[in-house]
Structure formats: C-alpha cells, structure tokens
Amino acid sequence: MALEVTGGALAFIRAIGATGEPASEKTFRLIECHGGFGFTFDDPKQDDKIFLSDGLRVLCVSPDVARLALDTTVKVEGTPTGRQLTFSLH
C-alpha cells in the first residue's frame, strides 16, 4: 500500500498553511526526521507526490520519503493539548 493522507489531515494542514504568507508558493512537505516523520515548509519539486485539499496543493512528498512512508497513514487526532497530526501503519 502507499502513503495515505486522510481528508481531515489535509484540511488541518491547509488551515495551518492559511496562517502563513498568502503570496507564498511554498507548501508543507513531509520529511524523514530522526527515524520518524516531520514537516517543513518548502517549494514543491517536479517529482513530488502532491496531496490536494479542495483543489489546492497542501502537502508534497518526495519519492524517497514516500517509499519510507509506505503503509503509513497521516491523520489528525484530538489530544488533551489540541489537535495534532499523527502517523500510523495500516
């Protein structure tokens, strides 16, 4: 199976991105980080896998990270400190 990003996670990422610079072409990028995953704000590359929310680009993933995240789902969950993105194997 491939990397999956739920609709809720895409909406959450889109809302976070809306607080940034409106004229920016940058988007959130899923990255490998210390044996896990994290996010950064970056320009999409030509070979990235792009995830959309309501037709707008909200998340990009390089082919290398997409392979590392095989069988992983990115979702949003409520926690005592608020909503956050989580990663789980499917």
PDB file of N, CA and C in Angstrom:
ATOM      1  N   MET A   1       0.833  -1.188   0.000  1.00  0.00           N
ATOM      2  CA  MET A   1       0.000   0.000   0.000  1.00  0.00           C
ATOM      3  C   MET A   1       0.874   1.247   0.000  1.00  0.00           C
ATOM      4  N   ALA A   2       0.290   2.336  -0.394  1.00  0.00           N
ATOM      5  CA  ALA A   2       1.013   3.592  -0.494  1.00  0.00           C
ATOM      6  C   ALA A   2       0.756   4.478   0.723  1.00  0.00           C
ATOM      7  N   LEU A   3       1.505   5.552   0.804  1.00  0.00           N
ATOM      8  CA  LEU A   3       1.271   6.572   1.815  1.00  0.00           C
ATOM      9  C   LEU A   3      -0.148   7.097   1.653  1.00  0.00           C
ATOM     10  N   GLU A   4      -0.866   7.221   2.751  1.00  0.00           N
ATOM     11  CA  GLU A   4      -2.227   7.744   2.732  1.00  0.00           C
ATOM     12  C   GLU A   4      -2.297   8.964   3.638  1.00  0.00           C
ATOM     13  N   VAL A   5      -2.999   9.990   3.192  1.00  0.00           N
ATOM     14  CA  VAL A   5      -3.234  11.186   3.999  1.00  0.00           C
ATOM     15  C   VAL A   5      -4.739  11.384   4.044  1.00  0.00           C
ATOM     16  N   THR A   6      -5.317  11.361   5.238  1.00  0.00           N
ATOM     17  CA  THR A   6      -6.768  11.467   5.359  1.00  0.00           C
ATOM     18  C   THR A   6      -7.234  12.880   4.993  1.00  0.00           C
ATOM     19  N   GLY A   7      -8.516  12.975   4.660  1.00  0.00           N
ATOM     20  CA  GLY A   7      -9.097  14.277   4.360  1.00  0.00           C
ATOM     21  C   GLY A   7      -9.010  15.222   5.536  1.00  0.00           C
ATOM     22  N   GLY A   8      -9.204  14.686   6.745  1.00  0.00           N
ATOM     23  CA  GLY A   8      -9.087  15.516   7.946  1.00  0.00           C
ATOM     24  C   GLY A   8      -7.685  16.080   8.117  1.00  0.00           C
ATOM     25  N   ALA A   9      -6.676  15.255   7.825  1.00  0.00           N
ATOM     26  CA  ALA A   9      -5.290  15.721   7.934  1.00  0.00           C
ATOM     27  C   ALA A   9      -5.008  16.801   6.893  1.00  0.00           C
ATOM     28  N   LEU A  10      -5.512  16.611   5.672  1.00  0.00           N
ATOM     29  CA  LEU A  10      -5.302  17.618   4.630  1.00  0.00           C
ATOM     30  C   LEU A  10      -5.977  18.939   5.001  1.00  0.00           C
ATOM     31  N   ALA A  11      -7.181  18.875   5.552  1.00  0.00           N
ATOM     32  CA  ALA A  11      -7.874  20.091   5.972  1.00  0.00           C
ATOM     33  C   ALA A  11      -7.115  20.789   7.110  1.00  0.00           C
ATOM     34  N   PHE A  12      -6.576  19.997   8.035  1.00  0.00           N
ATOM     35  CA  PHE A  12      -5.802  20.542   9.155  1.00  0.00           C
ATOM     36  C   PHE A  12      -4.544  21.233   8.633  1.00  0.00           C
ATOM     37  N   ILE A  13      -3.824  20.579   7.719  1.00  0.00           N
ATOM     38  CA  ILE A  13      -2.604  21.162   7.142  1.00  0.00           C
ATOM     39  C   ILE A  13      -2.950  22.434   6.376  1.00  0.00           C
ATOM     40  N   ARG A  14      -4.052  22.389   5.619  1.00  0.00           N
ATOM     41  CA  ARG A  14      -4.472  23.566   4.853  1.00  0.00           C
ATOM     42  C   ARG A  14      -4.758  24.736   5.796  1.00  0.00           C
ATOM     43  N   ALA A  15      -5.410  24.475   6.921  1.00  0.00           N
ATOM     44  CA  ALA A  15      -5.711  25.536   7.888  1.00  0.00           C
ATOM     45  C   ALA A  15      -4.425  26.124   8.472  1.00  0.00           C
ATOM     46  N   ILE A  16      -3.447  25.272   8.748  1.00  0.00           N
ATOM     47  CA  ILE A  16      -2.158  25.760   9.251  1.00  0.00           C
ATOM     48  C   ILE A  16      -1.490  26.633   8.200  1.00  0.00           C
ATOM     49  N   GLY A  17      -1.521  26.165   6.940  1.00  0.00           N
ATOM     50  CA  GLY A  17      -0.907  26.920   5.852  1.00  0.00           C
ATOM     51  C   GLY A  17      -1.564  28.264   5.612  1.00  0.00           C
ATOM     52  N   ALA A  18      -2.846  28.374   5.921  1.00  0.00           N
ATOM     53  CA  ALA A  18      -3.574  29.628   5.722  1.00  0.00           C
ATOM     54  C   ALA A  18      -3.075  30.727   6.648  1.00  0.00           C
ATOM     55  N   THR A  19      -2.377  30.359   7.711  1.00  0.00           N
ATOM     56  CA  THR A  19      -1.842  31.362   8.632  1.00  0.00           C
ATOM     57  C   THR A  19      -0.498  31.899   8.166  1.00  0.00           C
ATOM     58  N   GLY A  20       0.066  31.313   7.091  1.00  0.00           N
ATOM     59  CA  GLY A  20       1.358  31.752   6.566  1.00  0.00           C
ATOM     60  C   GLY A  20       1.201  32.905   5.585  1.00  0.00           C
ATOM     61  N   GLU A  21       2.248  33.158   4.812  1.00  0.00           N
ATOM     62  CA  GLU A  21       2.238  34.238   3.840  1.00  0.00           C
ATOM     63  C   GLU A  21       1.328  33.865   2.674  1.00  0.00           C
ATOM     64  N   PRO A  22       0.289  34.656   2.394  1.00  0.00           N
ATOM     65  CA  PRO A  22      -0.661  34.294   1.356  1.00  0.00           C
ATOM     66  C   PRO A  22      -0.066  34.249  -0.049  1.00  0.00           C
ATOM     67  N   ALA A  23       0.940  35.035  -0.336  1.00  0.00           N
ATOM     68  CA  ALA A  23       1.511  35.063  -1.680  1.00  0.00           C
ATOM     69  C   ALA A  23       2.545  33.964  -1.903  1.00  0.00           C
ATOM     70  N   SER A  24       2.841  33.208  -0.893  1.00  0.00           N
ATOM     71  CA  SER A  24       3.887  32.195  -0.981  1.00  0.00           C
ATOM     72  C   SER A  24       3.452  31.010  -1.833  1.00  0.00           C
ATOM     73  N   GLU A  25       4.372  30.466  -2.611  1.00  0.00           N
ATOM     74  CA  GLU A  25       4.127  29.260  -3.397  1.00  0.00           C
ATOM     75  C   GLU A  25       4.548  28.018  -2.613  1.00  0.00           C
ATOM     76  N   LYS A  26       5.032  28.205  -1.406  1.00  0.00           N
ATOM     77  CA  LYS A  26       5.519  27.083  -0.609  1.00  0.00           C
ATOM     78  C   LYS A  26       4.351  26.276  -0.063  1.00  0.00           C
ATOM     79  N   THR A  27       4.627  25.026   0.254  1.00  0.00           N
ATOM     80  CA  THR A  27       3.618  24.150   0.820  1.00  0.00           C
ATOM     81  C   THR A  27       4.272  23.299   1.892  1.00  0.00           C
ATOM     82  N   PHE A  28       3.471  22.618   2.680  1.00  0.00           N
ATOM     83  CA  PHE A  28       4.036  21.719   3.682  1.00  0.00           C
ATOM     84  C   PHE A  28       4.656  20.522   2.984  1.00  0.00           C
ATOM     85  N   ARG A  29       5.782  20.060   3.522  1.00  0.00           N
ATOM     86  CA  ARG A  29       6.487  18.900   2.981  1.00  0.00           C
ATOM     87  C   ARG A  29       6.659  17.884   4.102  1.00  0.00           C
ATOM     88  N   LEU A  30       6.295  16.638   3.811  1.00  0.00           N
ATOM     89  CA  LEU A  30       6.561  15.529   4.732  1.00  0.00           C
ATOM     90  C   LEU A  30       8.023  15.150   4.575  1.00  0.00           C
ATOM     91  N   ILE A  31       8.749  15.072   5.687  1.00  0.00           N
ATOM     92  CA  ILE A  31      10.176  14.743   5.648  1.00  0.00           C
ATOM     93  C   ILE A  31      10.474  13.598   6.612  1.00  0.00           C
ATOM     94  N   GLU A  32      11.583  12.916   6.357  1.00  0.00           N
ATOM     95  CA  GLU A  32      12.098  11.914   7.292  1.00  0.00           C
ATOM     96  C   GLU A  32      12.867  12.691   8.339  1.00  0.00           C
ATOM     97  N   CYS A  33      12.641  12.347   9.620  1.00  0.00           N
ATOM     98  CA  CYS A  33      13.238  13.127  10.700  1.00  0.00           C
ATOM     99  C   CYS A  33      13.588  12.206  11.865  1.00  0.00           C
ATOM    100  N   HIS A  34      14.873  11.921  12.055  1.00  0.00           N
ATOM    101  CA  HIS A  34      15.344  11.117  13.183  1.00  0.00           C
ATOM    102  C   HIS A  34      14.618   9.774  13.299  1.00  0.00           C
ATOM    103  N   GLY A  35      14.485   9.067  12.191  1.00  0.00           N
ATOM    104  CA  GLY A  35      13.842   7.758  12.207  1.00  0.00           C
ATOM    105  C   GLY A  35      12.327   7.806  12.206  1.00  0.00           C
ATOM    106  N   GLY A  36      11.756   8.995  12.130  1.00  0.00           N
ATOM    107  CA  GLY A  36      10.306   9.162  12.053  1.00  0.00           C
ATOM    108  C   GLY A  36       9.985  10.150  10.954  1.00  0.00           C
ATOM    109  N   PHE A  37       8.895  10.866  11.114  1.00  0.00           N
ATOM    110  CA  PHE A  37       8.499  11.838  10.106  1.00  0.00           C
ATOM    111  C   PHE A  37       8.197  13.167  10.760  1.00  0.00           C
ATOM    112  N   GLY A  38       8.331  14.212   9.979  1.00  0.00           N
ATOM    113  CA  GLY A  38       8.011  15.555  10.420  1.00  0.00           C
ATOM    114  C   GLY A  38       7.586  16.384   9.226  1.00  0.00           C
ATOM    115  N   PHE A  39       7.447  17.672   9.422  1.00  0.00           N
ATOM    116  CA  PHE A  39       7.009  18.571   8.367  1.00  0.00           C
ATOM    117  C   PHE A  39       7.901  19.788   8.312  1.00  0.00           C
ATOM    118  N   THR A  40       8.015  20.338   7.126  1.00  0.00           N
ATOM    119  CA  THR A  40       8.690  21.610   6.920  1.00  0.00           C
ATOM    120  C   THR A  40       7.909  22.361   5.859  1.00  0.00           C
ATOM    121  N   PHE A  41       8.219  23.602   5.637  1.00  0.00           N
ATOM    122  CA  PHE A  41       7.573  24.426   4.628  1.00  0.00           C
ATOM    123  C   PHE A  41       8.570  24.564   3.488  1.00  0.00           C
ATOM    124  N   ASP A  42       8.190  24.202   2.240  1.00  0.00           N
ATOM    125  CA  ASP A  42       9.161  24.130   1.152  1.00  0.00           C
ATOM    126  C   ASP A  42       8.463  24.337  -0.188  1.00  0.00           C
ATOM    127  N   ASP A  43       9.272  24.591  -1.219  1.00  0.00           N
ATOM    128  CA  ASP A  43       8.761  24.650  -2.587  1.00  0.00           C
ATOM    129  C   ASP A  43       8.613  23.238  -3.125  1.00  0.00           C
ATOM    130  N   PRO A  44       7.475  22.907  -3.728  1.00  0.00           N
ATOM    131  CA  PRO A  44       7.308  21.574  -4.333  1.00  0.00           C
ATOM    132  C   PRO A  44       8.296  21.379  -5.486  1.00  0.00           C
ATOM    133  N   LYS A  45       8.754  20.150  -5.651  1.00  0.00           N
ATOM    134  CA  LYS A  45       9.661  19.774  -6.740  1.00  0.00           C
ATOM    135  C   LYS A  45       8.861  19.022  -7.803  1.00  0.00           C
ATOM    136  N   GLN A  46       9.419  18.932  -8.995  1.00  0.00           N
ATOM    137  CA  GLN A  46       8.713  18.333 -10.119  1.00  0.00           C
ATOM    138  C   GLN A  46       8.310  16.882  -9.865  1.00  0.00           C
ATOM    139  N   ASP A  47       9.143  16.100  -9.184  1.00  0.00           N
ATOM    140  CA  ASP A  47       8.843  14.676  -8.992  1.00  0.00           C
ATOM    141  C   ASP A  47       8.126  14.371  -7.677  1.00  0.00           C
ATOM    142  N   ASP A  48       7.704  15.405  -6.930  1.00  0.00           N
ATOM    143  CA  ASP A  48       6.977  15.205  -5.673  1.00  0.00           C
ATOM    144  C   ASP A  48       5.599  14.609  -5.909  1.00  0.00           C
ATOM    145  N   LYS A  49       5.131  13.850  -4.926  1.00  0.00           N
ATOM    146  CA  LYS A  49       3.729  13.449  -4.877  1.00  0.00           C
ATOM    147  C   LYS A  49       3.016  14.603  -4.179  1.00  0.00           C
ATOM    148  N   ILE A  50       1.963  15.124  -4.806  1.00  0.00           N
ATOM    149  CA  ILE A  50       1.248  16.287  -4.283  1.00  0.00           C
ATOM    150  C   ILE A  50      -0.127  15.844  -3.775  1.00  0.00           C
ATOM    151  N   PHE A  51      -0.475  16.254  -2.571  1.00  0.00           N
ATOM    152  CA  PHE A  51      -1.790  15.996  -1.992  1.00  0.00           C
ATOM    153  C   PHE A  51      -2.572  17.301  -2.011  1.00  0.00           C
ATOM    154  N   LEU A  52      -3.826  17.224  -2.430  1.00  0.00           N
ATOM    155  CA  LEU A  52      -4.677  18.399  -2.581  1.00  0.00           C
ATOM    156  C   LEU A  52      -5.820  18.387  -1.572  1.00  0.00           C
ATOM    157  N   SER A  53      -6.286  19.576  -1.239  1.00  0.00           N
ATOM    158  CA  SER A  53      -7.488  19.743  -0.427  1.00  0.00           C
ATOM    159  C   SER A  53      -8.335  20.797  -1.128  1.00  0.00           C
ATOM    160  N   ASP A  54      -9.531  20.425  -1.551  1.00  0.00           N
ATOM    161  CA  ASP A  54     -10.417  21.329  -2.302  1.00  0.00           C
ATOM    162  C   ASP A  54      -9.695  21.935  -3.499  1.00  0.00           C
ATOM    163  N   GLY A  55      -8.882  21.135  -4.175  1.00  0.00           N
ATOM    164  CA  GLY A  55      -8.174  21.573  -5.369  1.00  0.00           C
ATOM    165  C   GLY A  55      -6.920  22.378  -5.117  1.00  0.00           C
ATOM    166  N   LEU A  56      -6.596  22.639  -3.863  1.00  0.00           N
ATOM    167  CA  LEU A  56      -5.396  23.407  -3.542  1.00  0.00           C
ATOM    168  C   LEU A  56      -4.295  22.490  -3.031  1.00  0.00           C
ATOM    169  N   ARG A  57      -3.084  22.757  -3.458  1.00  0.00           N
ATOM    170  CA  ARG A  57      -1.916  21.972  -3.035  1.00  0.00           C
ATOM    171  C   ARG A  57      -1.623  22.271  -1.576  1.00  0.00           C
ATOM    172  N   VAL A  58      -1.615  21.224  -0.714  1.00  0.00           N
ATOM    173  CA  VAL A  58      -1.362  21.455   0.715  1.00  0.00           C
ATOM    174  C   VAL A  58      -0.210  20.632   1.272  1.00  0.00           C
ATOM    175  N   LEU A  59       0.206  19.566   0.565  1.00  0.00           N
ATOM    176  CA  LEU A  59       1.276  18.713   1.086  1.00  0.00           C
ATOM    177  C   LEU A  59       2.038  18.112  -0.073  1.00  0.00           C
ATOM    178  N   CYS A  60       3.364  18.138   0.006  1.00  0.00           N
ATOM    179  CA  CYS A  60       4.187  17.482  -1.005  1.00  0.00           C
ATOM    180  C   CYS A  60       5.122  16.489  -0.311  1.00  0.00           C
ATOM    181  N   VAL A  61       5.426  15.414  -1.041  1.00  0.00           N
ATOM    182  CA  VAL A  61       6.255  14.340  -0.505  1.00  0.00           C
ATOM    183  C   VAL A  61       7.207  13.890  -1.615  1.00  0.00           C
ATOM    184  N   SER A  62       8.502  13.856  -1.305  1.00  0.00           N
ATOM    185  CA  SER A  62       9.468  13.389  -2.293  1.00  0.00           C
ATOM    186  C   SER A  62       9.299  11.889  -2.505  1.00  0.00           C
ATOM    187  N   PRO A  63       9.718  11.361  -3.654  1.00  0.00           N
ATOM    188  CA  PRO A  63       9.617   9.919  -3.889  1.00  0.00           C
ATOM    189  C   PRO A  63      10.355   9.094  -2.828  1.00  0.00           C
ATOM    190  N   ASP A  64      11.508   9.561  -2.354  1.00  0.00           N
ATOM    191  CA  ASP A  64      12.268   8.822  -1.334  1.00  0.00           C
ATOM    192  C   ASP A  64      11.501   8.730  -0.018  1.00  0.00           C
ATOM    193  N   VAL A  65      10.911   9.831   0.416  1.00  0.00           N
ATOM    194  CA  VAL A  65      10.142   9.823   1.661  1.00  0.00           C
ATOM    195  C   VAL A  65       8.856   9.018   1.480  1.00  0.00           C
ATOM    196  N   ALA A  66       8.239   9.096   0.308  1.00  0.00           N
ATOM    197  CA  ALA A  66       7.030   8.304   0.052  1.00  0.00           C
ATOM    198  C   ALA A  66       7.337   6.813   0.185  1.00  0.00           C
ATOM    199  N   ARG A  67       8.506   6.379  -0.265  1.00  0.00           N
ATOM    200  CA  ARG A  67       8.892   4.964  -0.116  1.00  0.00           C
ATOM    201  C   ARG A  67       9.103   4.617   1.352  1.00  0.00           C
ATOM    202  N   LEU A  68       9.721   5.513   2.114  1.00  0.00           N
ATOM    203  CA  LEU A  68       9.921   5.276   3.553  1.00  0.00           C
ATOM    204  C   LEU A  68       8.586   5.218   4.291  1.00  0.00           C
ATOM    205  N   ALA A  69       7.612   5.982   3.811  1.00  0.00           N
ATOM    206  CA  ALA A  69       6.314   6.074   4.482  1.00  0.00           C
ATOM    207  C   ALA A  69       5.304   5.072   3.924  1.00  0.00           C
ATOM    208  N   LEU A  70       5.766   4.121   3.145  1.00  0.00           N
ATOM    209  CA  LEU A  70       4.881   3.099   2.593  1.00  0.00           C
ATOM    210  C   LEU A  70       4.087   2.462   3.722  1.00  0.00           C
ATOM    211  N   ASP A  71       2.802   2.266   3.516  1.00  0.00           N
ATOM    212  CA  ASP A  71       1.902   1.675   4.518  1.00  0.00           C
ATOM    213  C   ASP A  71       1.669   2.572   5.730  1.00  0.00           C
ATOM    214  N   THR A  72       1.884   3.882   5.579  1.00  0.00           N
ATOM    215  CA  THR A  72       1.666   4.827   6.672  1.00  0.00           C
ATOM    216  C   THR A  72       0.477   5.719   6.344  1.00  0.00           C
ATOM    217  N   THR A  73      -0.316   6.021   7.357  1.00  0.00           N
ATOM    218  CA  THR A  73      -1.424   6.960   7.214  1.00  0.00           C
ATOM    219  C   THR A  73      -1.147   8.184   8.076  1.00  0.00           C
ATOM    220  N   VAL A  74      -1.295   9.356   7.476  1.00  0.00           N
ATOM    221  CA  VAL A  74      -1.203  10.614   8.210  1.00  0.00           C
ATOM    222  C   VAL A  74      -2.642  11.030   8.505  1.00  0.00           C
ATOM    223  N   LYS A  75      -2.938  11.247   9.783  1.00  0.00           N
ATOM    224  CA  LYS A  75      -4.290  11.661  10.165  1.00  0.00           C
ATOM    225  C   LYS A  75      -4.190  12.713  11.252  1.00  0.00           C
ATOM    226  N   VAL A  76      -5.324  13.305  11.572  1.00  0.00           N
ATOM    227  CA  VAL A  76      -5.371  14.309  12.636  1.00  0.00           C
ATOM    228  C   VAL A  76      -6.193  13.724  13.779  1.00  0.00           C
ATOM    229  N   GLU A  77      -5.699  13.922  14.994  1.00  0.00           N
ATOM    230  CA  GLU A  77      -6.376  13.398  16.180  1.00  0.00           C
ATOM    231  C   GLU A  77      -6.429  14.476  17.252  1.00  0.00           C
ATOM    232  N   GLY A  78      -7.475  14.414  18.056  1.00  0.00           N
ATOM    233  CA  GLY A  78      -7.579  15.315  19.195  1.00  0.00           C
ATOM    234  C   GLY A  78      -6.755  14.781  20.354  1.00  0.00           C
ATOM    235  N   THR A  79      -6.069  15.662  21.036  1.00  0.00           N
ATOM    236  CA  THR A  79      -5.280  15.306  22.210  1.00  0.00           C
ATOM    237  C   THR A  79      -5.648  16.291  23.324  1.00  0.00           C
ATOM    238  N   PRO A  80      -5.219  16.032  24.551  1.00  0.00           N
ATOM    239  CA  PRO A  80      -5.502  16.986  25.634  1.00  0.00           C
ATOM    240  C   PRO A  80      -4.953  18.388  25.362  1.00  0.00           C
ATOM    241  N   THR A  81      -3.919  18.485  24.519  1.00  0.00           N
ATOM    242  CA  THR A  81      -3.334  19.799  24.213  1.00  0.00           C
ATOM    243  C   THR A  81      -3.836  20.371  22.893  1.00  0.00           C
ATOM    244  N   GLY A  82      -4.779  19.692  22.251  1.00  0.00           N
ATOM    245  CA  GLY A  82      -5.318  20.181  20.982  1.00  0.00           C
ATOM    246  C   GLY A  82      -5.155  19.160  19.874  1.00  0.00           C
ATOM    247  N   ARG A  83      -5.564  19.531  18.682  1.00  0.00           N
ATOM    248  CA  ARG A  83      -5.458  18.631  17.529  1.00  0.00           C
ATOM    249  C   ARG A  83      -4.028  18.590  17.026  1.00  0.00           C
ATOM    250  N   GLN A  84      -3.608  17.389  16.574  1.00  0.00           N
ATOM    251  CA  GLN A  84      -2.256  17.259  16.009  1.00  0.00           C
ATOM    252  C   GLN A  84      -2.245  16.164  14.957  1.00  0.00           C
ATOM    253  N   LEU A  85      -1.260  16.223  14.078  1.00  0.00           N
ATOM    254  CA  LEU A  85      -1.082  15.193  13.064  1.00  0.00           C
ATOM    255  C   LEU A  85      -0.391  13.998  13.681  1.00  0.00           C
ATOM    256  N   THR A  86      -0.844  12.805  13.302  1.00  0.00           N
ATOM    257  CA  THR A  86      -0.242  11.572  13.786  1.00  0.00           C
ATOM    258  C   THR A  86       0.051  10.659  12.598  1.00  0.00           C
ATOM    259  N   PHE A  87       0.920   9.711  12.817  1.00  0.00           N
ATOM    260  CA  PHE A  87       1.312   8.738  11.804  1.00  0.00           C
ATOM    261  C   PHE A  87       1.006   7.349  12.343  1.00  0.00           C
ATOM    262  N   SER A  88       0.392   6.519  11.514  1.00  0.00           N
ATOM    263  CA  SER A  88       0.123   5.151  11.924  1.00  0.00           C
ATOM    264  C   SER A  88       0.316   4.213  10.739  1.00  0.00           C
ATOM    265  N   LEU A  89       0.715   2.981  11.045  1.00  0.00           N
ATOM    266  CA  LEU A  89       0.866   1.969   9.990  1.00  0.00           C
ATOM    267  C   LEU A  89      -0.499   1.377   9.698  1.00  0.00           C
ATOM    268  N   HIS A  90      -0.751   1.107   8.415  1.00  0.00           N
ATOM    269  CA  HIS A  90      -2.022   0.473   8.069  1.00  0.00           C
ATOM    270  C   HIS A  90      -1.792  -0.863   7.449  1.00  0.00           C
TER     271      HIS A  90
END
